[in-house]
Amino acid sequence: MGYILGIDQGGTKTDAIIIDKEGIIMSIGKYKGANYAYDGIDAAMGAINESAQMSFAAAGLGLADLDKIAVSMTGADWPHEYEFLEAELTKLFSANNVAVYNDCIGAMRAGGVSLPCGIICVGTGTNIAVRSNNGEIVYGYFVENRYQGAAALGFAAYEAIMRAHIGTGGETSLSGPITEGRAKDPEDLLKKITMNEISINYADFLPIVYNEALKGDRVSVCIIEQFANGLCAYIFAGAAKLGIDINNFTLVLSGGVFKGQGRLLADEVKKCFAAYPGFKIVNARYEPVVGSALLGLESFYDFNIPDMIMANIEHGCKKFNLLREKG
């Protein structure tokens, strides 16, 4: 029986997993992360090789036992990058059965859901993708800056307190906590930023937005609503491009901005699709490396992995502590 090697590489870690075609998880391997675009291709391939060798050793298998290698990588964004990375991985593993995906696609598959599906991943930045029944992908190469991760939400809060201060926007309770410890008032904060007297990480304002929204601040609530509406527009557009019935669709939410108080953003995303009773929203069920393995596995089942095999994946994820969503 042939095996599938799945790899998930991000900036902090590189994970490997080996499964068989029945969905039995044989082993996992872990190594430090890398982003080939910043750390160089040698560092990225080296980390992938280390994690893969760990998984081979744990399973008592080798390259000759593999029928598929599926790799989800941060920094893999454009078609020419996929070609380049697949060529590098082909050299690394002396194999011709390699497929490379953006790490967002691996995270989407880690939702454990059937096709068609999509993902909104919001962390430091934002990734959005939609996938059809036949595996065709519309990937959000262009996501406007105002929807790019935690810092975009924080910057919207900064703009809101400036509008409130000059009188072009509504009053907001955001002003106090944002200026506290930074400036005496919004105008002073603007001056300090403009004169480079203070360095601001706008992502630091995200918890303030959530806190004030929970207290009932209408401006904070509107910031979250508008952000959610903007994200969802990409899902509607991607589904339309692929001819997908949005009423038969599952959306995976992933990324740190949805965690904890981020349920506020998740709730606003749900409202966008409330008119479609067949539309489902889930959190990623498995660790991303499992998504990579599933991307490899589905190629043997015409993109429709049987329920029995998914049950084996579920069992193995419990055994190897690869579940994100418990239940």
C-alpha atoms as a PDB file:
ATOM      1  CA  MET A   1       0.000   0.000   0.000  1.00  0.00           C
ATOM      2  CA  GLY A   2       1.269   3.474  -0.896  1.00  0.00           C
ATOM      3  CA  TYR A   3       1.446   6.277   1.635  1.00  0.00           C
ATOM      4  CA  ILE A   4       0.934  10.035   1.596  1.00  0.00           C
ATOM      5  CA  LEU A   5       3.366  12.493   3.137  1.00  0.00           C
ATOM      6  CA  GLY A   6       1.774  15.762   4.187  1.00  0.00           C
ATOM      7  CA  ILE A   7       3.846  18.801   5.137  1.00  0.00           C
ATOM      8  CA  ASP A   8       2.711  22.102   6.613  1.00  0.00           C
ATOM      9  CA  GLN A   9       5.360  24.803   6.793  1.00  0.00           C
ATOM     10  CA  GLY A  10       4.877  28.160   8.482  1.00  0.00           C
ATOM     11  CA  GLY A  11       7.189  30.720   9.957  1.00  0.00           C
ATOM     12  CA  THR A  12       7.210  29.083  13.404  1.00  0.00           C
ATOM     13  CA  LYS A  13       7.101  25.358  12.662  1.00  0.00           C
ATOM     14  CA  THR A  14       7.308  22.700   9.980  1.00  0.00           C
ATOM     15  CA  ASP A  15       5.079  19.672  10.603  1.00  0.00           C
ATOM     16  CA  ALA A  16       5.041  16.375   8.726  1.00  0.00           C
ATOM     17  CA  ILE A  17       2.542  13.516   8.746  1.00  0.00           C
ATOM     18  CA  ILE A  18       2.363  10.153   7.008  1.00  0.00           C
ATOM     19  CA  ILE A  19      -0.982   8.488   6.346  1.00  0.00           C
ATOM     20  CA  ASP A  20      -2.059   5.518   4.266  1.00  0.00           C
ATOM     21  CA  LYS A  21      -4.844   5.528   1.696  1.00  0.00           C
ATOM     22  CA  GLU A  22      -7.304   4.256   4.284  1.00  0.00           C
ATOM     23  CA  GLY A  23      -6.736   7.356   6.376  1.00  0.00           C
ATOM     24  CA  ILE A  24      -4.637   5.632   9.034  1.00  0.00           C
ATOM     25  CA  ILE A  25      -2.127   8.063  10.528  1.00  0.00           C
ATOM     26  CA  MET A  26       1.236   6.352  10.738  1.00  0.00           C
ATOM     27  CA  SER A  27       3.455   9.045  12.253  1.00  0.00           C
ATOM     28  CA  ILE A  28       4.199  12.728  12.633  1.00  0.00           C
ATOM     29  CA  GLY A  29       7.368  14.815  12.633  1.00  0.00           C
ATOM     30  CA  LYS A  30       8.071  18.327  13.875  1.00  0.00           C
ATOM     31  CA  TYR A  31      10.831  20.823  13.179  1.00  0.00           C
ATOM     32  CA  LYS A  32      11.376  24.566  13.237  1.00  0.00           C
ATOM     33  CA  GLY A  33       9.583  26.783  10.761  1.00  0.00           C
ATOM     34  CA  ALA A  34      10.767  28.719   7.725  1.00  0.00           C
ATOM     35  CA  ASN A  35       9.478  31.004   5.026  1.00  0.00           C
ATOM     36  CA  TYR A  36      11.434  30.451   1.843  1.00  0.00           C
ATOM     37  CA  ALA A  37      10.774  34.025   0.707  1.00  0.00           C
ATOM     38  CA  TYR A  38      12.567  35.425   3.777  1.00  0.00           C
ATOM     39  CA  ASP A  39      14.748  32.619   5.108  1.00  0.00           C
ATOM     40  CA  GLY A  40      15.867  31.289   1.731  1.00  0.00           C
ATOM     41  CA  ILE A  41      15.030  28.122  -0.136  1.00  0.00           C
ATOM     42  CA  ASP A  42      17.807  26.099   1.527  1.00  0.00           C
ATOM     43  CA  ALA A  43      16.431  26.838   5.004  1.00  0.00           C
ATOM     44  CA  ALA A  44      12.885  25.980   3.924  1.00  0.00           C
ATOM     45  CA  MET A  45      13.884  22.716   2.229  1.00  0.00           C
ATOM     46  CA  GLY A  46      16.122  21.815   5.153  1.00  0.00           C
ATOM     47  CA  ALA A  47      13.298  22.202   7.642  1.00  0.00           C
ATOM     48  CA  ILE A  48      10.949  20.187   5.440  1.00  0.00           C
ATOM     49  CA  ASN A  49      13.525  17.420   5.128  1.00  0.00           C
ATOM     50  CA  GLU A  50      14.099  17.285   8.897  1.00  0.00           C
ATOM     51  CA  SER A  51      10.405  16.982   9.711  1.00  0.00           C
ATOM     52  CA  ALA A  52       9.893  14.408   6.954  1.00  0.00           C
ATOM     53  CA  GLN A  53      12.831  12.274   8.130  1.00  0.00           C
ATOM     54  CA  MET A  54      11.382  12.284  11.649  1.00  0.00           C
ATOM     55  CA  SER A  55       8.078  10.996  10.334  1.00  0.00           C
ATOM     56  CA  PHE A  56       9.803   8.357   8.189  1.00  0.00           C
ATOM     57  CA  ALA A  57      11.783   7.111  11.176  1.00  0.00           C
ATOM     58  CA  ALA A  58       8.713   6.956  13.407  1.00  0.00           C
ATOM     59  CA  ALA A  59       6.716   5.001  10.812  1.00  0.00           C
ATOM     60  CA  GLY A  60       9.551   2.752   9.636  1.00  0.00           C
ATOM     61  CA  LEU A  61       9.009   3.960   6.083  1.00  0.00           C
ATOM     62  CA  GLY A  62      11.010   5.675   3.370  1.00  0.00           C
ATOM     63  CA  LEU A  63      10.631   7.672   0.186  1.00  0.00           C
ATOM     64  CA  ALA A  64      10.037   4.530  -1.874  1.00  0.00           C
ATOM     65  CA  ASP A  65       6.839   3.900   0.104  1.00  0.00           C
ATOM     66  CA  LEU A  66       5.219   7.198  -0.894  1.00  0.00           C
ATOM     67  CA  ASP A  67       2.589   7.623  -3.588  1.00  0.00           C
ATOM     68  CA  LYS A  68       1.991  11.328  -2.939  1.00  0.00           C
ATOM     69  CA  ILE A  69       3.638  14.317  -1.284  1.00  0.00           C
ATOM     70  CA  ALA A  70       1.418  17.325  -0.509  1.00  0.00           C
ATOM     71  CA  VAL A  71       3.033  20.438   0.927  1.00  0.00           C
ATOM     72  CA  SER A  72       1.297  23.557   2.247  1.00  0.00           C
ATOM     73  CA  MET A  73       3.742  26.437   2.561  1.00  0.00           C
ATOM     74  CA  THR A  74       3.703  30.007   3.738  1.00  0.00           C
ATOM     75  CA  GLY A  75       5.069  32.247   1.013  1.00  0.00           C
ATOM     76  CA  ALA A  76       3.643  30.091  -1.783  1.00  0.00           C
ATOM     77  CA  ASP A  77       1.345  32.619  -3.402  1.00  0.00           C
ATOM     78  CA  TRP A  78       1.749  32.783  -7.169  1.00  0.00           C
ATOM     79  CA  PRO A  79       1.679  30.088  -9.888  1.00  0.00           C
ATOM     80  CA  HIS A  80       5.361  30.559 -10.719  1.00  0.00           C
ATOM     81  CA  GLU A  81       6.176  30.029  -7.035  1.00  0.00           C
ATOM     82  CA  TYR A  82       4.280  26.740  -7.012  1.00  0.00           C
ATOM     83  CA  GLU A  83       6.295  25.587 -10.027  1.00  0.00           C
ATOM     84  CA  PHE A  84       9.558  26.630  -8.411  1.00  0.00           C
ATOM     85  CA  LEU A  85       8.756  25.021  -5.056  1.00  0.00           C
ATOM     86  CA  GLU A  86       7.483  21.802  -6.636  1.00  0.00           C
ATOM     87  CA  ALA A  87      10.753  21.573  -8.596  1.00  0.00           C
ATOM     88  CA  GLU A  88      12.777  22.075  -5.403  1.00  0.00           C
ATOM     89  CA  LEU A  89      10.739  19.471  -3.532  1.00  0.00           C
ATOM     90  CA  THR A  90      11.053  17.058  -6.441  1.00  0.00           C
ATOM     91  CA  LYS A  91      14.835  17.365  -6.144  1.00  0.00           C
ATOM     92  CA  LEU A  92      14.711  17.037  -2.360  1.00  0.00           C
ATOM     93  CA  PHE A  93      12.636  13.873  -2.347  1.00  0.00           C
ATOM     94  CA  SER A  94      13.679  12.476  -5.748  1.00  0.00           C
ATOM     95  CA  ALA A  95       9.984  12.177  -6.528  1.00  0.00           C
ATOM     96  CA  ASN A  96       7.579  13.330  -9.233  1.00  0.00           C
ATOM     97  CA  ASN A  97       4.398  13.111  -7.182  1.00  0.00           C
ATOM     98  CA  VAL A  98       4.667  16.466  -5.398  1.00  0.00           C
ATOM     99  CA  ALA A  99       1.962  19.130  -5.092  1.00  0.00           C
ATOM    100  CA  VAL A 100       2.408  22.524  -3.404  1.00  0.00           C
ATOM    101  CA  TYR A 101      -0.361  24.671  -1.938  1.00  0.00           C
ATOM    102  CA  ASN A 102      -0.533  27.934  -0.071  1.00  0.00           C
ATOM    103  CA  ASP A 103      -0.823  27.282   3.657  1.00  0.00           C
ATOM    104  CA  CYS A 104      -4.282  28.849   3.564  1.00  0.00           C
ATOM    105  CA  ILE A 105      -5.472  25.945   1.371  1.00  0.00           C
ATOM    106  CA  GLY A 106      -4.071  23.408   3.823  1.00  0.00           C
ATOM    107  CA  ALA A 107      -5.896  25.177   6.641  1.00  0.00           C
ATOM    108  CA  MET A 108      -9.110  25.094   4.604  1.00  0.00           C
ATOM    109  CA  ARG A 109      -8.790  21.340   4.072  1.00  0.00           C
ATOM    110  CA  ALA A 110      -8.068  20.976   7.797  1.00  0.00           C
ATOM    111  CA  GLY A 111     -11.654  22.045   8.352  1.00  0.00           C
ATOM    112  CA  GLY A 112     -12.472  18.418   7.622  1.00  0.00           C
ATOM    113  CA  VAL A 113     -15.332  19.490   5.364  1.00  0.00           C
ATOM    114  CA  SER A 114     -16.452  18.281   1.965  1.00  0.00           C
ATOM    115  CA  LEU A 115     -16.384  20.343  -1.211  1.00  0.00           C
ATOM    116  CA  PRO A 116     -17.412  22.969  -2.144  1.00  0.00           C
ATOM    117  CA  CYS A 117     -15.908  25.013   0.646  1.00  0.00           C
ATOM    118  CA  GLY A 118     -13.988  28.149   1.448  1.00  0.00           C
ATOM    119  CA  ILE A 119     -11.829  29.715   4.099  1.00  0.00           C
ATOM    120  CA  ILE A 120     -11.374  33.080   5.724  1.00  0.00           C
ATOM    121  CA  CYS A 121      -8.090  33.107   7.628  1.00  0.00           C
ATOM    122  CA  VAL A 122      -7.396  36.288   9.596  1.00  0.00           C
ATOM    123  CA  GLY A 123      -4.292  36.673  11.703  1.00  0.00           C
ATOM    124  CA  THR A 124      -1.366  38.993  11.029  1.00  0.00           C
ATOM    125  CA  GLY A 125      -2.730  39.217   7.489  1.00  0.00           C
ATOM    126  CA  THR A 126      -5.771  37.843   5.698  1.00  0.00           C
ATOM    127  CA  ASN A 127      -6.101  34.932   3.288  1.00  0.00           C
ATOM    128  CA  ILE A 128      -9.346  33.973   1.570  1.00  0.00           C
ATOM    129  CA  ALA A 129     -10.016  31.093  -0.824  1.00  0.00           C
ATOM    130  CA  VAL A 130     -12.918  29.185  -2.370  1.00  0.00           C
ATOM    131  CA  ARG A 131     -12.748  25.622  -3.720  1.00  0.00           C
ATOM    132  CA  SER A 132     -15.201  23.863  -6.031  1.00  0.00           C
ATOM    133  CA  ASN A 133     -16.387  20.254  -6.161  1.00  0.00           C
ATOM    134  CA  ASN A 134     -13.649  19.370  -8.642  1.00  0.00           C
ATOM    135  CA  GLY A 135     -10.889  20.990  -6.595  1.00  0.00           C
ATOM    136  CA  GLU A 136     -10.626  24.198  -8.609  1.00  0.00           C
ATOM    137  CA  ILE A 137      -9.467  27.059  -6.386  1.00  0.00           C
ATOM    138  CA  VAL A 138     -10.131  30.772  -6.446  1.00  0.00           C
ATOM    139  CA  TYR A 139      -7.496  32.303  -4.175  1.00  0.00           C
ATOM    140  CA  GLY A 140      -7.657  35.842  -2.845  1.00  0.00           C
ATOM    141  CA  TYR A 141      -4.468  37.269  -4.314  1.00  0.00           C
ATOM    142  CA  PHE A 142      -5.912  40.726  -3.789  1.00  0.00           C
ATOM    143  CA  VAL A 143      -7.367  41.536  -0.386  1.00  0.00           C
ATOM    144  CA  GLU A 144      -7.693  45.240   0.329  1.00  0.00           C
ATOM    145  CA  ASN A 145      -5.476  46.669   3.044  1.00  0.00           C
ATOM    146  CA  ARG A 146      -8.502  47.592   5.147  1.00  0.00           C
ATOM    147  CA  TYR A 147      -9.221  43.863   5.535  1.00  0.00           C
ATOM    148  CA  GLN A 148      -5.642  42.724   6.110  1.00  0.00           C
ATOM    149  CA  GLY A 149      -5.577  41.138   9.535  1.00  0.00           C
ATOM    150  CA  ALA A 150      -5.565  42.404  13.104  1.00  0.00           C
ATOM    151  CA  ALA A 151      -3.698  45.596  12.244  1.00  0.00           C
ATOM    152  CA  ALA A 152      -6.420  46.592   9.763  1.00  0.00           C
ATOM    153  CA  LEU A 153      -9.069  46.360  12.472  1.00  0.00           C
ATOM    154  CA  GLY A 154      -6.814  48.311  14.816  1.00  0.00           C
ATOM    155  CA  PHE A 155      -6.157  50.996  12.218  1.00  0.00           C
ATOM    156  CA  ALA A 156      -9.908  51.351  11.660  1.00  0.00           C
ATOM    157  CA  ALA A 157     -10.221  52.053  15.386  1.00  0.00           C
ATOM    158  CA  TYR A 158      -7.470  54.682  15.189  1.00  0.00           C
ATOM    159  CA  GLU A 159      -9.245  56.399  12.304  1.00  0.00           C
ATOM    160  CA  ALA A 160     -12.518  56.252  14.223  1.00  0.00           C
ATOM    161  CA  ILE A 161     -11.126  58.116  17.225  1.00  0.00           C
ATOM    162  CA  MET A 162      -9.646  60.748  14.906  1.00  0.00           C
ATOM    163  CA  ARG A 163     -13.010  61.244  13.193  1.00  0.00           C
ATOM    164  CA  ALA A 164     -14.703  61.538  16.570  1.00  0.00           C
ATOM    165  CA  HIS A 165     -12.099  64.061  17.696  1.00  0.00           C
ATOM    166  CA  ILE A 166     -12.484  66.382  14.707  1.00  0.00           C
ATOM    167  CA  GLY A 167     -16.254  65.936  14.542  1.00  0.00           C
ATOM    168  CA  THR A 168     -16.722  64.020  11.286  1.00  0.00           C
ATOM    169  CA  GLY A 169     -17.599  60.775  13.052  1.00  0.00           C
ATOM    170  CA  GLY A 170     -19.644  59.575  15.978  1.00  0.00           C
ATOM    171  CA  GLU A 171     -18.448  59.639  19.549  1.00  0.00           C
ATOM    172  CA  THR A 172     -16.736  56.472  20.679  1.00  0.00           C
ATOM    173  CA  SER A 173     -15.412  54.985  23.887  1.00  0.00           C
ATOM    174  CA  LEU A 174     -12.383  53.776  21.914  1.00  0.00           C
ATOM    175  CA  SER A 175     -10.618  57.101  22.416  1.00  0.00           C
ATOM    176  CA  GLY A 176      -9.688  56.642  26.073  1.00  0.00           C
ATOM    177  CA  PRO A 177      -8.126  53.166  25.960  1.00  0.00           C
ATOM    178  CA  ILE A 178      -6.338  53.838  22.653  1.00  0.00           C
ATOM    179  CA  THR A 179      -4.673  57.048  23.834  1.00  0.00           C
ATOM    180  CA  GLU A 180      -4.025  55.823  27.382  1.00  0.00           C
ATOM    181  CA  GLY A 181      -0.304  55.585  28.010  1.00  0.00           C
ATOM    182  CA  ARG A 182       0.415  56.875  24.506  1.00  0.00           C
ATOM    183  CA  ALA A 183      -0.839  60.444  24.276  1.00  0.00           C
ATOM    184  CA  LYS A 184      -3.024  62.987  26.090  1.00  0.00           C
ATOM    185  CA  ASP A 185      -5.715  62.933  23.369  1.00  0.00           C
ATOM    186  CA  PRO A 186      -6.224  61.770  19.737  1.00  0.00           C
ATOM    187  CA  GLU A 187      -4.666  64.928  18.295  1.00  0.00           C
ATOM    188  CA  ASP A 188      -1.557  64.436  20.414  1.00  0.00           C
ATOM    189  CA  LEU A 189      -1.421  60.800  19.257  1.00  0.00           C
ATOM    190  CA  LEU A 190      -1.595  61.923  15.622  1.00  0.00           C
ATOM    191  CA  LYS A 191       1.240  64.379  16.207  1.00  0.00           C
ATOM    192  CA  LYS A 192       3.439  61.769  17.850  1.00  0.00           C
ATOM    193  CA  ILE A 193       2.844  59.280  15.029  1.00  0.00           C
ATOM    194  CA  THR A 194       3.476  61.913  12.364  1.00  0.00           C
ATOM    195  CA  MET A 195       6.683  63.110  14.045  1.00  0.00           C
ATOM    196  CA  ASN A 196       7.877  59.532  14.622  1.00  0.00           C
ATOM    197  CA  GLU A 197       7.867  60.133  18.353  1.00  0.00           C
ATOM    198  CA  ILE A 198       5.987  56.905  18.949  1.00  0.00           C
ATOM    199  CA  SER A 199       5.861  53.540  17.224  1.00  0.00           C
ATOM    200  CA  ILE A 200       2.382  52.033  16.919  1.00  0.00           C
ATOM    201  CA  ASN A 201       1.479  48.423  16.232  1.00  0.00           C
ATOM    202  CA  TYR A 202      -2.147  48.855  15.238  1.00  0.00           C
ATOM    203  CA  ALA A 203      -2.826  45.187  15.952  1.00  0.00           C
ATOM    204  CA  ASP A 204      -2.491  46.099  19.635  1.00  0.00           C
ATOM    205  CA  PHE A 205      -5.776  48.011  19.317  1.00  0.00           C
ATOM    206  CA  LEU A 206      -7.760  44.890  18.355  1.00  0.00           C
ATOM    207  CA  PRO A 207      -8.519  43.775  21.946  1.00  0.00           C
ATOM    208  CA  ILE A 208      -9.711  47.326  22.648  1.00  0.00           C
ATOM    209  CA  VAL A 209     -12.134  47.132  19.718  1.00  0.00           C
ATOM    210  CA  TYR A 210     -13.537  43.848  20.999  1.00  0.00           C
ATOM    211  CA  ASN A 211     -13.750  45.085  24.593  1.00  0.00           C
ATOM    212  CA  GLU A 212     -15.564  48.283  23.672  1.00  0.00           C
ATOM    213  CA  ALA A 213     -17.914  46.438  21.327  1.00  0.00           C
ATOM    214  CA  LEU A 214     -18.869  44.129  24.197  1.00  0.00           C
ATOM    215  CA  LYS A 215     -19.617  47.222  26.274  1.00  0.00           C
ATOM    216  CA  GLY A 216     -21.995  48.437  23.575  1.00  0.00           C
ATOM    217  CA  ASP A 217     -19.892  51.068  21.807  1.00  0.00           C
ATOM    218  CA  ARG A 218     -21.652  51.479  18.474  1.00  0.00           C
ATOM    219  CA  VAL A 219     -18.544  52.634  16.592  1.00  0.00           C
ATOM    220  CA  SER A 220     -16.641  49.519  17.668  1.00  0.00           C
ATOM    221  CA  VAL A 221     -19.558  47.318  16.640  1.00  0.00           C
ATOM    222  CA  CYS A 222     -19.649  49.022  13.240  1.00  0.00           C
ATOM    223  CA  ILE A 223     -15.927  48.467  12.725  1.00  0.00           C
ATOM    224  CA  ILE A 224     -16.415  44.738  13.261  1.00  0.00           C
ATOM    225  CA  GLU A 225     -19.530  44.623  11.075  1.00  0.00           C
ATOM    226  CA  GLN A 226     -17.847  46.429   8.190  1.00  0.00           C
ATOM    227  CA  PHE A 227     -14.768  44.231   8.437  1.00  0.00           C
ATOM    228  CA  ALA A 228     -16.920  41.075   8.342  1.00  0.00           C
ATOM    229  CA  ASN A 229     -18.945  42.337   5.391  1.00  0.00           C
ATOM    230  CA  GLY A 230     -15.756  43.070   3.474  1.00  0.00           C
ATOM    231  CA  LEU A 231     -14.376  39.585   4.106  1.00  0.00           C
ATOM    232  CA  CYS A 232     -17.604  37.889   3.095  1.00  0.00           C
ATOM    233  CA  ALA A 233     -17.735  39.792  -0.192  1.00  0.00           C
ATOM    234  CA  TYR A 234     -14.688  37.795  -1.308  1.00  0.00           C
ATOM    235  CA  ILE A 235     -16.465  34.511  -0.540  1.00  0.00           C
ATOM    236  CA  PHE A 236     -19.542  35.540  -2.523  1.00  0.00           C
ATOM    237  CA  ALA A 237     -17.325  36.625  -5.425  1.00  0.00           C
ATOM    238  CA  GLY A 238     -15.239  33.442  -5.387  1.00  0.00           C
ATOM    239  CA  ALA A 239     -18.319  31.241  -5.293  1.00  0.00           C
ATOM    240  CA  ALA A 240     -19.819  33.152  -8.215  1.00  0.00           C
ATOM    241  CA  LYS A 241     -16.614  32.726 -10.267  1.00  0.00           C
ATOM    242  CA  LEU A 242     -16.751  28.955  -9.762  1.00  0.00           C
ATOM    243  CA  GLY A 243     -20.519  28.671 -10.274  1.00  0.00           C
ATOM    244  CA  ILE A 244     -21.039  27.412  -6.719  1.00  0.00           C
ATOM    245  CA  ASP A 245     -24.450  27.452  -5.064  1.00  0.00           C
ATOM    246  CA  ILE A 246     -23.745  29.375  -1.860  1.00  0.00           C
ATOM    247  CA  ASN A 247     -26.646  27.523  -0.230  1.00  0.00           C
ATOM    248  CA  ASN A 248     -24.617  24.314  -0.420  1.00  0.00           C
ATOM    249  CA  PHE A 249     -21.318  25.506   0.951  1.00  0.00           C
ATOM    250  CA  THR A 250     -19.132  25.255   4.049  1.00  0.00           C
ATOM    251  CA  LEU A 251     -16.902  28.096   5.221  1.00  0.00           C
ATOM    252  CA  VAL A 252     -13.920  27.458   7.488  1.00  0.00           C
ATOM    253  CA  LEU A 253     -12.879  30.250   9.852  1.00  0.00           C
ATOM    254  CA  SER A 254      -9.254  30.210  10.938  1.00  0.00           C
ATOM    255  CA  GLY A 255      -6.658  32.514  12.475  1.00  0.00           C
ATOM    256  CA  GLY A 256      -6.041  34.303  15.742  1.00  0.00           C
ATOM    257  CA  VAL A 257      -8.444  37.190  15.055  1.00  0.00           C
ATOM    258  CA  PHE A 258     -11.366  34.748  15.391  1.00  0.00           C
ATOM    259  CA  LYS A 259     -10.166  33.356  18.736  1.00  0.00           C
ATOM    260  CA  GLY A 260     -11.447  34.402  22.164  1.00  0.00           C
ATOM    261  CA  GLN A 261     -13.371  37.639  21.835  1.00  0.00           C
ATOM    262  CA  GLY A 262     -12.975  37.169  18.103  1.00  0.00           C
ATOM    263  CA  ARG A 263     -16.284  35.328  18.305  1.00  0.00           C
ATOM    264  CA  LEU A 264     -17.722  38.807  17.748  1.00  0.00           C
ATOM    265  CA  LEU A 265     -16.217  38.854  14.264  1.00  0.00           C
ATOM    266  CA  ALA A 266     -17.278  35.250  13.635  1.00  0.00           C
ATOM    267  CA  ASP A 267     -20.849  36.146  14.608  1.00  0.00           C
ATOM    268  CA  GLU A 268     -20.866  39.018  12.116  1.00  0.00           C
ATOM    269  CA  VAL A 269     -19.584  36.702   9.388  1.00  0.00           C
ATOM    270  CA  LYS A 270     -22.465  34.337  10.162  1.00  0.00           C
ATOM    271  CA  LYS A 271     -24.939  37.171   9.767  1.00  0.00           C
ATOM    272  CA  CYS A 272     -23.690  37.763   6.219  1.00  0.00           C
ATOM    273  CA  PHE A 273     -24.917  34.310   5.214  1.00  0.00           C
ATOM    274  CA  ALA A 274     -28.031  34.119   7.406  1.00  0.00           C
ATOM    275  CA  ALA A 275     -30.290  34.177   4.332  1.00  0.00           C
ATOM    276  CA  TYR A 276     -28.823  30.862   3.135  1.00  0.00           C
ATOM    277  CA  PRO A 277     -30.029  28.003   5.370  1.00  0.00           C
ATOM    278  CA  GLY A 278     -27.743  25.480   3.672  1.00  0.00           C
ATOM    279  CA  PHE A 279     -24.628  27.574   4.294  1.00  0.00           C
ATOM    280  CA  LYS A 280     -22.466  26.209   7.126  1.00  0.00           C
ATOM    281  CA  ILE A 281     -19.645  27.845   9.071  1.00  0.00           C
ATOM    282  CA  VAL A 282     -17.112  25.787  11.004  1.00  0.00           C
ATOM    283  CA  ASN A 283     -13.779  26.262  12.719  1.00  0.00           C
ATOM    284  CA  ALA A 284     -10.755  24.287  11.550  1.00  0.00           C
ATOM    285  CA  ARG A 285     -11.157  20.836  13.081  1.00  0.00           C
ATOM    286  CA  TYR A 286      -7.635  19.536  12.555  1.00  0.00           C
ATOM    287  CA  GLU A 287      -4.118  20.891  12.723  1.00  0.00           C
ATOM    288  CA  PRO A 288      -3.033  22.307   9.341  1.00  0.00           C
ATOM    289  CA  VAL A 289      -0.652  19.422   8.617  1.00  0.00           C
ATOM    290  CA  VAL A 290      -3.670  17.104   8.522  1.00  0.00           C
ATOM    291  CA  GLY A 291      -5.131  19.371   5.868  1.00  0.00           C
ATOM    292  CA  SER A 292      -1.986  18.872   3.799  1.00  0.00           C
ATOM    293  CA  ALA A 293      -2.332  15.106   4.080  1.00  0.00           C
ATOM    294  CA  LEU A 294      -5.999  15.313   3.085  1.00  0.00           C
ATOM    295  CA  LEU A 295      -5.052  17.344   0.007  1.00  0.00           C
ATOM    296  CA  GLY A 296      -2.802  14.465  -0.988  1.00  0.00           C
ATOM    297  CA  LEU A 297      -5.309  11.771  -0.052  1.00  0.00           C
ATOM    298  CA  GLU A 298      -8.244  13.279  -1.941  1.00  0.00           C
ATOM    299  CA  SER A 299      -6.391  12.911  -5.253  1.00  0.00           C
ATOM    300  CA  PHE A 300      -6.981   9.149  -4.972  1.00  0.00           C
ATOM    301  CA  TYR A 301     -10.719   9.573  -4.386  1.00  0.00           C
ATOM    302  CA  ASP A 302     -11.701  12.156  -7.007  1.00  0.00           C
ATOM    303  CA  PHE A 303     -11.798  14.881  -4.308  1.00  0.00           C
ATOM    304  CA  ASN A 304     -14.479  12.992  -2.329  1.00  0.00           C
ATOM    305  CA  ILE A 305     -12.849  11.089   0.536  1.00  0.00           C
ATOM    306  CA  PRO A 306     -15.246   8.375   1.824  1.00  0.00           C
ATOM    307  CA  ASP A 307     -16.759   8.794   5.278  1.00  0.00           C
ATOM    308  CA  MET A 308     -15.134   5.599   6.548  1.00  0.00           C
ATOM    309  CA  ILE A 309     -11.703   6.938   5.684  1.00  0.00           C
ATOM    310  CA  MET A 310     -12.480  10.298   7.289  1.00  0.00           C
ATOM    311  CA  ALA A 311     -13.495   8.338  10.405  1.00  0.00           C
ATOM    312  CA  ASN A 312     -10.000   6.825  10.431  1.00  0.00           C
ATOM    313  CA  ILE A 313      -8.496  10.300  10.108  1.00  0.00           C
ATOM    314  CA  GLU A 314     -10.612  11.447  13.054  1.00  0.00           C
ATOM    315  CA  HIS A 315      -9.487   8.509  15.182  1.00  0.00           C
ATOM    316  CA  GLY A 316      -5.827   9.104  14.316  1.00  0.00           C
ATOM    317  CA  CYS A 317      -6.062  12.810  15.070  1.00  0.00           C
ATOM    318  CA  LYS A 318      -7.336  12.007  18.544  1.00  0.00           C
ATOM    319  CA  LYS A 319      -4.470   9.564  19.048  1.00  0.00           C
ATOM    320  CA  PHE A 320      -1.791  12.005  17.859  1.00  0.00           C
ATOM    321  CA  ASN A 321      -3.363  15.091  19.460  1.00  0.00           C
ATOM    322  CA  LEU A 322      -4.060  16.760  16.135  1.00  0.00           C
ATOM    323  CA  LEU A 323      -7.590  17.958  16.888  1.00  0.00           C
ATOM    324  CA  ARG A 324      -8.306  21.660  17.160  1.00  0.00           C
ATOM    325  CA  GLU A 325     -12.071  21.417  17.556  1.00  0.00           C
ATOM    326  CA  LYS A 326     -12.893  18.924  20.286  1.00  0.00           C
ATOM    327  CA  GLY A 327     -15.991  16.809  20.047  1.00  0.00           C
END
